[in-house]
């Protein structure tokens, strides 16, 4: 009887481990998402065509300026890859203001005073 119980518990443990959702690590940068960000469309005509997207699951990995239509596609992938990611609690000065320069979305660092309440 003890052997049967042991086998049953071991089987349940294996099943539980196999069905566990894929978790991103602390401050994760999923490779598949990072490649999509790097290859994302950055074409633009005006500043309004550009938006900032996270380079990884957490804000401290920085931001990339991409075309707003490409950002919509990236958001779905970000939500899937980073849904259960853990981010460290730290202040990062990595936000950007997306702008269109020479028909390419780029980002300029936000001014330091924009991070503080006035």
PDB file of N, CA and C in Angstrom:
ATOM      1  N   UNK A   1       0.823  -1.189   0.000  1.00  0.00           N
ATOM      2  CA  UNK A   1       0.000   0.000   0.000  1.00  0.00           C
ATOM      3  C   UNK A   1       0.875   1.264   0.000  1.00  0.00           C
ATOM      4  N   UNK A   2       1.985   1.230   0.751  1.00  0.00           N
ATOM      5  CA  UNK A   2       2.876   2.384   0.803  1.00  0.00           C
ATOM      6  C   UNK A   2       3.504   2.651  -0.561  1.00  0.00           C
ATOM      7  N   UNK A   3       3.853   1.570  -1.267  1.00  0.00           N
ATOM      8  CA  UNK A   3       4.448   1.732  -2.592  1.00  0.00           C
ATOM      9  C   UNK A   3       3.457   2.367  -3.564  1.00  0.00           C
ATOM     10  N   UNK A   4       2.200   1.951  -3.480  1.00  0.00           N
ATOM     11  CA  UNK A   4       1.166   2.493  -4.356  1.00  0.00           C
ATOM     12  C   UNK A   4       0.979   3.985  -4.080  1.00  0.00           C
ATOM     13  N   UNK A   5       0.934   4.357  -2.803  1.00  0.00           N
ATOM     14  CA  UNK A   5       0.790   5.768  -2.433  1.00  0.00           C
ATOM     15  C   UNK A   5       1.995   6.577  -2.898  1.00  0.00           C
ATOM     16  N   UNK A   6       3.178   6.024  -2.739  1.00  0.00           N
ATOM     17  CA  UNK A   6       4.391   6.714  -3.167  1.00  0.00           C
ATOM     18  C   UNK A   6       4.386   6.933  -4.676  1.00  0.00           C
ATOM     19  N   UNK A   7       4.001   5.911  -5.425  1.00  0.00           N
ATOM     20  CA  UNK A   7       3.914   6.044  -6.877  1.00  0.00           C
ATOM     21  C   UNK A   7       2.850   7.068  -7.288  1.00  0.00           C
ATOM     22  N   UNK A   8       1.735   7.090  -6.577  1.00  0.00           N
ATOM     23  CA  UNK A   8       0.667   8.048  -6.864  1.00  0.00           C
ATOM     24  C   UNK A   8       1.138   9.480  -6.609  1.00  0.00           C
ATOM     25  N   UNK A   9       1.788   9.703  -5.496  1.00  0.00           N
ATOM     26  CA  UNK A   9       2.306  11.042  -5.163  1.00  0.00           C
ATOM     27  C   UNK A   9       3.372  11.459  -6.175  1.00  0.00           C
ATOM     28  N   UNK A  10       4.261  10.543  -6.540  1.00  0.00           N
ATOM     29  CA  UNK A  10       5.302  10.852  -7.514  1.00  0.00           C
ATOM     30  C   UNK A  10       4.673  11.196  -8.867  1.00  0.00           C
ATOM     31  N   UNK A  11       3.655  10.466  -9.273  1.00  0.00           N
ATOM     32  CA  UNK A  11       2.974  10.741 -10.532  1.00  0.00           C
ATOM     33  C   UNK A  11       2.297  12.103 -10.528  1.00  0.00           C
ATOM     34  N   UNK A  12       1.655  12.448  -9.413  1.00  0.00           N
ATOM     35  CA  UNK A  12       1.017  13.758  -9.312  1.00  0.00           C
ATOM     36  C   UNK A  12       2.056  14.879  -9.363  1.00  0.00           C
ATOM     37  N   UNK A  13       3.196  14.648  -8.733  1.00  0.00           N
ATOM     38  CA  UNK A  13       4.268  15.642  -8.737  1.00  0.00           C
ATOM     39  C   UNK A  13       4.782  15.877 -10.152  1.00  0.00           C
ATOM     40  N   UNK A  14       4.995  14.818 -10.899  1.00  0.00           N
ATOM     41  CA  UNK A  14       5.479  14.928 -12.273  1.00  0.00           C
ATOM     42  C   UNK A  14       4.452  15.656 -13.134  1.00  0.00           C
ATOM     43  N   UNK A  15       3.184  15.330 -12.983  1.00  0.00           N
ATOM     44  CA  UNK A  15       2.136  15.998 -13.757  1.00  0.00           C
ATOM     45  C   UNK A  15       2.059  17.477 -13.418  1.00  0.00           C
ATOM     46  N   UNK A  16       2.168  17.809 -12.151  1.00  0.00           N
ATOM     47  CA  UNK A  16       2.105  19.208 -11.733  1.00  0.00           C
ATOM     48  C   UNK A  16       3.276  19.998 -12.307  1.00  0.00           C
ATOM     49  N   UNK A  17       4.441  19.402 -12.318  1.00  0.00           N
ATOM     50  CA  UNK A  17       5.612  20.089 -12.860  1.00  0.00           C
ATOM     51  C   UNK A  17       5.504  20.261 -14.373  1.00  0.00           C
ATOM     52  N   UNK A  18       4.953  19.287 -15.037  1.00  0.00           N
ATOM     53  CA  UNK A  18       4.844  19.341 -16.497  1.00  0.00           C
ATOM     54  C   UNK A  18       3.816  20.360 -16.951  1.00  0.00           C
ATOM     55  N   UNK A  19       2.775  20.594 -16.158  1.00  0.00           N
ATOM     56  CA  UNK A  19       1.727  21.521 -16.571  1.00  0.00           C
ATOM     57  C   UNK A  19       1.941  22.935 -16.060  1.00  0.00           C
ATOM     58  N   UNK A  20       3.032  23.167 -15.389  1.00  0.00           N
ATOM     59  CA  UNK A  20       3.334  24.489 -14.843  1.00  0.00           C
ATOM     60  C   UNK A  20       3.524  25.491 -15.981  1.00  0.00           C
ATOM     61  N   UNK A  21       2.902  26.697 -15.876  1.00  0.00           N
ATOM     62  CA  UNK A  21       3.080  27.673 -16.952  1.00  0.00           C
ATOM     63  C   UNK A  21       4.518  28.152 -17.037  1.00  0.00           C
ATOM     64  N   UNK A  22       4.932  28.469 -18.242  1.00  0.00           N
ATOM     65  CA  UNK A  22       6.289  28.952 -18.451  1.00  0.00           C
ATOM     66  C   UNK A  22       6.435  30.306 -17.762  1.00  0.00           C
ATOM     67  N   UNK A  23       7.403  30.408 -16.890  1.00  0.00           N
ATOM     68  CA  UNK A  23       7.589  31.653 -16.153  1.00  0.00           C
ATOM     69  C   UNK A  23       8.859  32.346 -16.616  1.00  0.00           C
ATOM     70  N   UNK A  24       8.758  33.631 -16.747  1.00  0.00           N
ATOM     71  CA  UNK A  24       9.937  34.431 -17.058  1.00  0.00           C
ATOM     72  C   UNK A  24      10.688  34.675 -15.755  1.00  0.00           C
ATOM     73  N   UNK A  25      11.985  34.790 -15.830  1.00  0.00           N
ATOM     74  CA  UNK A  25      12.782  35.037 -14.641  1.00  0.00           C
ATOM     75  C   UNK A  25      12.682  36.483 -14.191  1.00  0.00           C
ATOM     76  N   UNK A  26      13.385  36.794 -13.131  1.00  0.00           N
ATOM     77  CA  UNK A  26      13.420  38.153 -12.613  1.00  0.00           C
ATOM     78  C   UNK A  26      14.123  39.048 -13.635  1.00  0.00           C
ATOM     79  N   UNK A  27      13.492  40.173 -13.948  1.00  0.00           N
ATOM     80  CA  UNK A  27      14.013  41.134 -14.931  1.00  0.00           C
ATOM     81  C   UNK A  27      14.320  40.467 -16.279  1.00  0.00           C
ATOM     82  N   UNK A  28      13.418  39.625 -16.711  1.00  0.00           N
ATOM     83  CA  UNK A  28      13.624  38.821 -17.918  1.00  0.00           C
ATOM     84  C   UNK A  28      13.611  39.648 -19.201  1.00  0.00           C
ATOM     85  N   UNK A  29      14.383  39.175 -20.156  1.00  0.00           N
ATOM     86  CA  UNK A  29      14.377  39.688 -21.524  1.00  0.00           C
ATOM     87  C   UNK A  29      14.235  38.454 -22.425  1.00  0.00           C
ATOM     88  N   UNK A  30      12.976  38.035 -22.697  1.00  0.00           N
ATOM     89  CA  UNK A  30      12.783  36.850 -23.529  1.00  0.00           C
ATOM     90  C   UNK A  30      13.416  37.036 -24.910  1.00  0.00           C
ATOM     91  N   UNK A  31      14.259  36.100 -25.331  1.00  0.00           N
ATOM     92  CA  UNK A  31      14.957  36.250 -26.621  1.00  0.00           C
ATOM     93  C   UNK A  31      14.021  36.450 -27.809  1.00  0.00           C
ATOM     94  N   UNK A  32      12.906  35.736 -27.839  1.00  0.00           N
ATOM     95  CA  UNK A  32      11.996  35.865 -28.986  1.00  0.00           C
ATOM     96  C   UNK A  32      11.386  37.270 -29.035  1.00  0.00           C
ATOM     97  N   UNK A  33      11.071  37.825 -27.876  1.00  0.00           N
ATOM     98  CA  UNK A  33      10.518  39.187 -27.833  1.00  0.00           C
ATOM     99  C   UNK A  33      11.591  40.212 -28.202  1.00  0.00           C
ATOM    100  N   UNK A  34      12.792  40.033 -27.675  1.00  0.00           N
ATOM    101  CA  UNK A  34      13.891  40.963 -27.969  1.00  0.00           C
ATOM    102  C   UNK A  34      14.182  41.012 -29.470  1.00  0.00           C
ATOM    103  N   UNK A  35      14.128  39.853 -30.149  1.00  0.00           N
ATOM    104  CA  UNK A  35      14.355  39.819 -31.599  1.00  0.00           C
ATOM    105  C   UNK A  35      13.256  40.573 -32.340  1.00  0.00           C
ATOM    106  N   UNK A  36      12.009  40.424 -31.883  1.00  0.00           N
ATOM    107  CA  UNK A  36      10.904  41.136 -32.526  1.00  0.00           C
ATOM    108  C   UNK A  36      11.056  42.645 -32.368  1.00  0.00           C
ATOM    109  N   UNK A  37      11.477  43.084 -31.188  1.00  0.00           N
ATOM    110  CA  UNK A  37      11.683  44.517 -30.963  1.00  0.00           C
ATOM    111  C   UNK A  37      12.792  45.034 -31.879  1.00  0.00           C
ATOM    112  N   UNK A  38      13.883  44.285 -31.976  1.00  0.00           N
ATOM    113  CA  UNK A  38      15.017  44.711 -32.804  1.00  0.00           C
ATOM    114  C   UNK A  38      14.633  44.800 -34.280  1.00  0.00           C
ATOM    115  N   UNK A  39      13.738  43.910 -34.740  1.00  0.00           N
ATOM    116  CA  UNK A  39      13.353  43.878 -36.151  1.00  0.00           C
ATOM    117  C   UNK A  39      12.077  44.672 -36.451  1.00  0.00           C
ATOM    118  N   UNK A  40      11.478  45.281 -35.438  1.00  0.00           N
ATOM    119  CA  UNK A  40      10.194  45.971 -35.610  1.00  0.00           C
ATOM    120  C   UNK A  40      10.305  47.133 -36.597  1.00  0.00           C
ATOM    121  N   UNK A  41       9.204  47.392 -37.257  1.00  0.00           N
ATOM    122  CA  UNK A  41       9.118  48.508 -38.203  1.00  0.00           C
ATOM    123  C   UNK A  41       9.332  49.824 -37.454  1.00  0.00           C
ATOM    124  N   UNK A  42      10.252  50.623 -37.937  1.00  0.00           N
ATOM    125  CA  UNK A  42      10.552  51.901 -37.323  1.00  0.00           C
ATOM    126  C   UNK A  42      10.297  53.061 -38.286  1.00  0.00           C
ATOM    127  N   UNK A  43       9.547  52.789 -39.362  1.00  0.00           N
ATOM    128  CA  UNK A  43       9.277  53.840 -40.344  1.00  0.00           C
ATOM    129  C   UNK A  43       8.241  54.827 -39.801  1.00  0.00           C
ATOM    130  N   UNK A  44       8.372  56.081 -40.219  1.00  0.00           N
ATOM    131  CA  UNK A  44       7.446  57.106 -39.750  1.00  0.00           C
ATOM    132  C   UNK A  44       7.458  58.308 -40.688  1.00  0.00           C
ATOM    133  N   UNK A  45       6.441  59.134 -40.534  1.00  0.00           N
ATOM    134  CA  UNK A  45       6.374  60.417 -41.250  1.00  0.00           C
ATOM    135  C   UNK A  45       6.301  61.566 -40.252  1.00  0.00           C
ATOM    136  N   UNK A  46       5.673  61.288 -39.103  1.00  0.00           N
ATOM    137  CA  UNK A  46       5.552  62.302 -38.055  1.00  0.00           C
ATOM    138  C   UNK A  46       5.864  61.666 -36.703  1.00  0.00           C
ATOM    139  N   UNK A  47       6.068  62.491 -35.691  1.00  0.00           N
ATOM    140  CA  UNK A  47       6.318  61.990 -34.337  1.00  0.00           C
ATOM    141  C   UNK A  47       5.160  61.121 -33.841  1.00  0.00           C
ATOM    142  N   UNK A  48       3.943  61.431 -34.282  1.00  0.00           N
ATOM    143  CA  UNK A  48       2.766  60.670 -33.854  1.00  0.00           C
ATOM    144  C   UNK A  48       2.788  59.225 -34.343  1.00  0.00           C
ATOM    145  N   UNK A  49       3.599  58.918 -35.342  1.00  0.00           N
ATOM    146  CA  UNK A  49       3.709  57.545 -35.860  1.00  0.00           C
ATOM    147  C   UNK A  49       4.545  56.657 -34.952  1.00  0.00           C
ATOM    148  N   UNK A  50       5.247  57.237 -33.979  1.00  0.00           N
ATOM    149  CA  UNK A  50       6.198  56.498 -33.149  1.00  0.00           C
ATOM    150  C   UNK A  50       5.719  56.377 -31.700  1.00  0.00           C
ATOM    151  N   UNK A  51       5.967  55.228 -31.110  1.00  0.00           N
ATOM    152  CA  UNK A  51       5.683  54.996 -29.693  1.00  0.00           C
ATOM    153  C   UNK A  51       6.851  54.240 -29.073  1.00  0.00           C
ATOM    154  N   UNK A  52       6.959  54.322 -27.766  1.00  0.00           N
ATOM    155  CA  UNK A  52       8.017  53.609 -27.039  1.00  0.00           C
ATOM    156  C   UNK A  52       7.489  52.269 -26.551  1.00  0.00           C
ATOM    157  N   UNK A  53       8.278  51.212 -26.744  1.00  0.00           N
ATOM    158  CA  UNK A  53       7.951  49.882 -26.224  1.00  0.00           C
ATOM    159  C   UNK A  53       9.106  49.406 -25.354  1.00  0.00           C
ATOM    160  N   UNK A  54       8.773  48.564 -24.384  1.00  0.00           N
ATOM    161  CA  UNK A  54       9.810  48.018 -23.508  1.00  0.00           C
ATOM    162  C   UNK A  54      10.684  47.038 -24.276  1.00  0.00           C
ATOM    163  N   UNK A  55      11.976  47.036 -23.969  1.00  0.00           N
ATOM    164  CA  UNK A  55      12.905  46.087 -24.594  1.00  0.00           C
ATOM    165  C   UNK A  55      12.861  44.724 -23.922  1.00  0.00           C
ATOM    166  N   UNK A  56      12.348  44.657 -22.716  1.00  0.00           N
ATOM    167  CA  UNK A  56      12.229  43.408 -21.970  1.00  0.00           C
ATOM    168  C   UNK A  56      10.961  43.448 -21.142  1.00  0.00           C
ATOM    169  N   UNK A  57      10.849  42.546 -20.185  1.00  0.00           N
ATOM    170  CA  UNK A  57       9.640  42.483 -19.361  1.00  0.00           C
ATOM    171  C   UNK A  57       9.531  43.653 -18.387  1.00  0.00           C
ATOM    172  N   UNK A  58      10.638  44.206 -17.985  1.00  0.00           N
ATOM    173  CA  UNK A  58      10.648  45.250 -16.969  1.00  0.00           C
ATOM    174  C   UNK A  58      11.180  46.559 -17.534  1.00  0.00           C
ATOM    175  N   UNK A  59      10.827  47.647 -16.890  1.00  0.00           N
ATOM    176  CA  UNK A  59      11.191  48.953 -17.433  1.00  0.00           C
ATOM    177  C   UNK A  59      12.689  49.215 -17.429  1.00  0.00           C
ATOM    178  N   UNK A  60      13.438  48.576 -16.564  1.00  0.00           N
ATOM    179  CA  UNK A  60      14.871  48.871 -16.465  1.00  0.00           C
ATOM    180  C   UNK A  60      15.691  48.339 -17.639  1.00  0.00           C
ATOM    181  N   UNK A  61      15.097  47.510 -18.496  1.00  0.00           N
ATOM    182  CA  UNK A  61      15.810  47.076 -19.700  1.00  0.00           C
ATOM    183  C   UNK A  61      15.812  48.173 -20.755  1.00  0.00           C
ATOM    184  N   UNK A  62      15.028  49.203 -20.548  1.00  0.00           N
ATOM    185  CA  UNK A  62      14.991  50.318 -21.472  1.00  0.00           C
ATOM    186  C   UNK A  62      13.838  50.239 -22.444  1.00  0.00           C
ATOM    187  N   UNK A  63      13.797  51.200 -23.329  1.00  0.00           N
ATOM    188  CA  UNK A  63      12.718  51.321 -24.296  1.00  0.00           C
ATOM    189  C   UNK A  63      13.289  51.503 -25.694  1.00  0.00           C
ATOM    190  N   UNK A  64      12.474  51.151 -26.678  1.00  0.00           N
ATOM    191  CA  UNK A  64      12.830  51.298 -28.088  1.00  0.00           C
ATOM    192  C   UNK A  64      11.679  52.047 -28.759  1.00  0.00           C
ATOM    193  N   UNK A  65      11.987  52.939 -29.657  1.00  0.00           N
ATOM    194  CA  UNK A  65      10.967  53.659 -30.399  1.00  0.00           C
ATOM    195  C   UNK A  65      10.660  52.898 -31.682  1.00  0.00           C
ATOM    196  N   UNK A  66       9.374  52.565 -31.873  1.00  0.00           N
ATOM    197  CA  UNK A  66       8.944  51.813 -33.056  1.00  0.00           C
ATOM    198  C   UNK A  66       7.669  52.432 -33.626  1.00  0.00           C
ATOM    199  N   UNK A  67       7.317  52.034 -34.828  1.00  0.00           N
ATOM    200  CA  UNK A  67       6.079  52.454 -35.458  1.00  0.00           C
ATOM    201  C   UNK A  67       4.902  51.984 -34.601  1.00  0.00           C
ATOM    202  N   UNK A  68       3.871  52.826 -34.453  1.00  0.00           N
ATOM    203  CA  UNK A  68       2.762  52.495 -33.556  1.00  0.00           C
ATOM    204  C   UNK A  68       2.007  51.233 -33.980  1.00  0.00           C
ATOM    205  N   UNK A  69       1.975  50.916 -35.263  1.00  0.00           N
ATOM    206  CA  UNK A  69       1.321  49.680 -35.700  1.00  0.00           C
ATOM    207  C   UNK A  69       2.159  48.460 -35.309  1.00  0.00           C
ATOM    208  N   UNK A  70       3.463  48.583 -35.386  1.00  0.00           N
ATOM    209  CA  UNK A  70       4.352  47.498 -34.947  1.00  0.00           C
ATOM    210  C   UNK A  70       4.231  47.307 -33.437  1.00  0.00           C
ATOM    211  N   UNK A  71       4.043  48.405 -32.718  1.00  0.00           N
ATOM    212  CA  UNK A  71       3.916  48.333 -31.254  1.00  0.00           C
ATOM    213  C   UNK A  71       2.689  47.528 -30.847  1.00  0.00           C
ATOM    214  N   UNK A  72       1.618  47.651 -31.588  1.00  0.00           N
ATOM    215  CA  UNK A  72       0.404  46.895 -31.275  1.00  0.00           C
ATOM    216  C   UNK A  72       0.659  45.392 -31.378  1.00  0.00           C
ATOM    217  N   UNK A  73       1.423  44.981 -32.368  1.00  0.00           N
ATOM    218  CA  UNK A  73       1.767  43.562 -32.529  1.00  0.00           C
ATOM    219  C   UNK A  73       2.722  43.109 -31.420  1.00  0.00           C
ATOM    220  N   UNK A  74       3.651  43.977 -31.066  1.00  0.00           N
ATOM    221  CA  UNK A  74       4.602  43.641 -30.001  1.00  0.00           C
ATOM    222  C   UNK A  74       3.906  43.489 -28.653  1.00  0.00           C
ATOM    223  N   UNK A  75       2.859  44.281 -28.424  1.00  0.00           N
ATOM    224  CA  UNK A  75       2.169  44.242 -27.134  1.00  0.00           C
ATOM    225  C   UNK A  75       1.613  42.850 -26.843  1.00  0.00           C
ATOM    226  N   UNK A  76       1.034  42.207 -27.841  1.00  0.00           N
ATOM    227  CA  UNK A  76       0.485  40.856 -27.653  1.00  0.00           C
ATOM    228  C   UNK A  76       1.593  39.881 -27.263  1.00  0.00           C
ATOM    229  N   UNK A  77       2.735  39.971 -27.925  1.00  0.00           N
ATOM    230  CA  UNK A  77       3.871  39.091 -27.604  1.00  0.00           C
ATOM    231  C   UNK A  77       4.411  39.409 -26.215  1.00  0.00           C
ATOM    232  N   UNK A  78       4.490  40.707 -25.865  1.00  0.00           N
ATOM    233  CA  UNK A  78       4.981  41.107 -24.545  1.00  0.00           C
ATOM    234  C   UNK A  78       4.071  40.540 -23.455  1.00  0.00           C
ATOM    235  N   UNK A  79       2.760  40.631 -23.653  1.00  0.00           N
ATOM    236  CA  UNK A  79       1.813  40.113 -22.666  1.00  0.00           C
ATOM    237  C   UNK A  79       1.958  38.603 -22.482  1.00  0.00           C
ATOM    238  N   UNK A  80       2.226  37.882 -23.567  1.00  0.00           N
ATOM    239  CA  UNK A  80       2.392  36.431 -23.481  1.00  0.00           C
ATOM    240  C   UNK A  80       3.709  36.068 -22.793  1.00  0.00           C
ATOM    241  N   UNK A  81       4.800  36.704 -23.194  1.00  0.00           N
ATOM    242  CA  UNK A  81       6.127  36.361 -22.676  1.00  0.00           C
ATOM    243  C   UNK A  81       6.373  36.882 -21.257  1.00  0.00           C
ATOM    244  N   UNK A  82       5.741  37.992 -20.918  1.00  0.00           N
ATOM    245  CA  UNK A  82       6.071  38.667 -19.655  1.00  0.00           C
ATOM    246  C   UNK A  82       4.932  38.663 -18.638  1.00  0.00           C
ATOM    247  N   UNK A  83       3.898  37.890 -18.887  1.00  0.00           N
ATOM    248  CA  UNK A  83       2.723  37.895 -18.013  1.00  0.00           C
ATOM    249  C   UNK A  83       3.050  37.592 -16.555  1.00  0.00           C
ATOM    250  N   UNK A  84       3.981  36.710 -16.306  1.00  0.00           N
ATOM    251  CA  UNK A  84       4.302  36.330 -14.927  1.00  0.00           C
ATOM    252  C   UNK A  84       5.738  36.687 -14.548  1.00  0.00           C
ATOM    253  N   UNK A  85       6.308  37.645 -15.245  1.00  0.00           N
ATOM    254  CA  UNK A  85       7.690  38.056 -14.950  1.00  0.00           C
ATOM    255  C   UNK A  85       7.740  38.872 -13.665  1.00  0.00           C
ATOM    256  N   UNK A  86       8.807  38.700 -12.941  1.00  0.00           N
ATOM    257  CA  UNK A  86       9.032  39.487 -11.721  1.00  0.00           C
ATOM    258  C   UNK A  86      10.060  40.567 -12.027  1.00  0.00           C
ATOM    259  N   UNK A  87       9.762  41.774 -11.581  1.00  0.00           N
ATOM    260  CA  UNK A  87      10.675  42.894 -11.801  1.00  0.00           C
ATOM    261  C   UNK A  87      11.169  43.406 -10.449  1.00  0.00           C
ATOM    262  N   UNK A  88      12.435  43.733 -10.402  1.00  0.00           N
ATOM    263  CA  UNK A  88      12.963  44.289  -9.166  1.00  0.00           C
ATOM    264  C   UNK A  88      12.438  45.702  -8.990  1.00  0.00           C
ATOM    265  N   UNK A  89      12.308  46.102  -7.776  1.00  0.00           N
ATOM    266  CA  UNK A  89      11.822  47.440  -7.464  1.00  0.00           C
ATOM    267  C   UNK A  89      13.007  48.391  -7.417  1.00  0.00           C
ATOM    268  N   UNK A  90      13.233  49.062  -8.500  1.00  0.00           N
ATOM    269  CA  UNK A  90      14.317  50.032  -8.554  1.00  0.00           C
ATOM    270  C   UNK A  90      13.917  51.145  -9.494  1.00  0.00           C
ATOM    271  N   UNK A  91      14.513  52.283  -9.306  1.00  0.00           N
ATOM    272  CA  UNK A  91      14.214  53.414 -10.174  1.00  0.00           C
ATOM    273  C   UNK A  91      15.182  53.396 -11.335  1.00  0.00           C
ATOM    274  N   UNK A  92      14.653  53.464 -12.523  1.00  0.00           N
ATOM    275  CA  UNK A  92      15.479  53.467 -13.723  1.00  0.00           C
ATOM    276  C   UNK A  92      15.159  54.716 -14.524  1.00  0.00           C
ATOM    277  N   UNK A  93      16.171  55.368 -14.976  1.00  0.00           N
ATOM    278  CA  UNK A  93      15.995  56.565 -15.789  1.00  0.00           C
ATOM    279  C   UNK A  93      16.233  56.190 -17.247  1.00  0.00           C
ATOM    280  N   UNK A  94      15.330  55.408 -17.804  1.00  0.00           N
ATOM    281  CA  UNK A  94      15.527  54.863 -19.144  1.00  0.00           C
ATOM    282  C   UNK A  94      14.385  55.189 -20.100  1.00  0.00           C
ATOM    283  N   UNK A  95      13.408  55.972 -19.656  1.00  0.00           N
ATOM    284  CA  UNK A  95      12.282  56.278 -20.526  1.00  0.00           C
ATOM    285  C   UNK A  95      12.720  57.212 -21.650  1.00  0.00           C
ATOM    286  N   UNK A  96      12.012  57.104 -22.761  1.00  0.00           N
ATOM    287  CA  UNK A  96      12.353  57.926 -23.928  1.00  0.00           C
ATOM    288  C   UNK A  96      11.115  58.659 -24.436  1.00  0.00           C
ATOM    289  N   UNK A  97      11.363  59.737 -25.137  1.00  0.00           N
ATOM    290  CA  UNK A  97      10.322  60.431 -25.891  1.00  0.00           C
ATOM    291  C   UNK A  97      10.498  59.994 -27.341  1.00  0.00           C
ATOM    292  N   UNK A  98       9.531  59.223 -27.896  1.00  0.00           N
ATOM    293  CA  UNK A  98       9.670  58.775 -29.275  1.00  0.00           C
ATOM    294  C   UNK A  98       9.486  59.936 -30.248  1.00  0.00           C
ATOM    295  N   UNK A  99      10.370  60.036 -31.213  1.00  0.00           N
ATOM    296  CA  UNK A  99      10.311  61.075 -32.242  1.00  0.00           C
ATOM    297  C   UNK A  99      10.632  60.459 -33.599  1.00  0.00           C
ATOM    298  N   UNK A 100      10.196  61.143 -34.640  1.00  0.00           N
ATOM    299  CA  UNK A 100      10.481  60.712 -36.009  1.00  0.00           C
ATOM    300  C   UNK A 100      11.583  61.603 -36.564  1.00  0.00           C
ATOM    301  N   UNK A 101      12.714  60.988 -36.892  1.00  0.00           N
ATOM    302  CA  UNK A 101      13.837  61.724 -37.475  1.00  0.00           C
ATOM    303  C   UNK A 101      14.232  61.052 -38.785  1.00  0.00           C
ATOM    304  N   UNK A 102      14.179  61.821 -39.866  1.00  0.00           N
ATOM    305  CA  UNK A 102      14.524  61.293 -41.197  1.00  0.00           C
ATOM    306  C   UNK A 102      13.726  60.036 -41.532  1.00  0.00           C
ATOM    307  N   UNK A 103      12.439  60.051 -41.189  1.00  0.00           N
ATOM    308  CA  UNK A 103      11.502  58.951 -41.462  1.00  0.00           C
ATOM    309  C   UNK A 103      11.829  57.657 -40.709  1.00  0.00           C
ATOM    310  N   UNK A 104      12.524  57.775 -39.576  1.00  0.00           N
ATOM    311  CA  UNK A 104      12.839  56.628 -38.729  1.00  0.00           C
ATOM    312  C   UNK A 104      12.486  56.977 -37.287  1.00  0.00           C
ATOM    313  N   UNK A 105      11.748  56.079 -36.624  1.00  0.00           N
ATOM    314  CA  UNK A 105      11.425  56.293 -35.214  1.00  0.00           C
ATOM    315  C   UNK A 105      12.691  56.150 -34.375  1.00  0.00           C
ATOM    316  N   UNK A 106      12.960  57.156 -33.588  1.00  0.00           N
ATOM    317  CA  UNK A 106      14.085  57.128 -32.656  1.00  0.00           C
ATOM    318  C   UNK A 106      13.580  57.634 -31.315  1.00  0.00           C
ATOM    319  N   UNK A 107      14.397  57.517 -30.321  1.00  0.00           N
ATOM    320  CA  UNK A 107      13.993  57.990 -29.005  1.00  0.00           C
ATOM    321  C   UNK A 107      15.046  58.875 -28.394  1.00  0.00           C
ATOM    322  N   UNK A 108      14.588  59.934 -27.773  1.00  0.00           N
ATOM    323  CA  UNK A 108      15.501  60.790 -27.036  1.00  0.00           C
ATOM    324  C   UNK A 108      15.204  60.606 -25.562  1.00  0.00           C
ATOM    325  N   UNK A 109      16.232  60.545 -24.728  1.00  0.00           N
ATOM    326  CA  UNK A 109      15.990  60.351 -23.285  1.00  0.00           C
ATOM    327  C   UNK A 109      15.089  61.446 -22.722  1.00  0.00           C
ATOM    328  N   UNK A 110      14.153  61.025 -21.861  1.00  0.00           N
ATOM    329  CA  UNK A 110      13.292  62.009 -21.210  1.00  0.00           C
ATOM    330  C   UNK A 110      14.147  62.876 -20.296  1.00  0.00           C
ATOM    331  N   UNK A 111      13.789  64.148 -20.168  1.00  0.00           N
ATOM    332  CA  UNK A 111      14.539  65.009 -19.257  1.00  0.00           C
ATOM    333  C   UNK A 111      14.434  64.490 -17.822  1.00  0.00           C
ATOM    334  N   UNK A 112      15.495  64.615 -17.072  1.00  0.00           N
ATOM    335  CA  UNK A 112      15.540  64.088 -15.716  1.00  0.00           C
ATOM    336  C   UNK A 112      14.429  64.678 -14.829  1.00  0.00           C
ATOM    337  N   UNK A 113      14.103  65.937 -15.023  1.00  0.00           N
ATOM    338  CA  UNK A 113      13.072  66.535 -14.161  1.00  0.00           C
ATOM    339  C   UNK A 113      11.680  65.982 -14.426  1.00  0.00           C
ATOM    340  N   UNK A 114      11.468  65.260 -15.533  1.00  0.00           N
ATOM    341  CA  UNK A 114      10.153  64.680 -15.810  1.00  0.00           C
ATOM    342  C   UNK A 114       9.867  63.458 -14.925  1.00  0.00           C
ATOM    343  N   UNK A 115      10.877  62.942 -14.234  1.00  0.00           N
ATOM    344  CA  UNK A 115      10.693  61.785 -13.368  1.00  0.00           C
ATOM    345  C   UNK A 115      10.204  62.171 -11.972  1.00  0.00           C
ATOM    346  N   UNK A 116      10.222  63.426 -11.656  1.00  0.00           N
ATOM    347  CA  UNK A 116       9.904  63.853 -10.300  1.00  0.00           C
ATOM    348  C   UNK A 116       8.627  64.676 -10.265  1.00  0.00           C
ATOM    349  N   UNK A 117       7.846  64.496  -9.187  1.00  0.00           N
ATOM    350  CA  UNK A 117       6.605  65.262  -9.014  1.00  0.00           C
ATOM    351  C   UNK A 117       6.937  66.730  -8.810  1.00  0.00           C
ATOM    352  N   UNK A 118       6.084  67.556  -9.311  1.00  0.00           N
ATOM    353  CA  UNK A 118       6.316  69.003  -9.191  1.00  0.00           C
ATOM    354  C   UNK A 118       5.381  69.627  -8.189  1.00  0.00           C
TER     355      UNK A 118
END
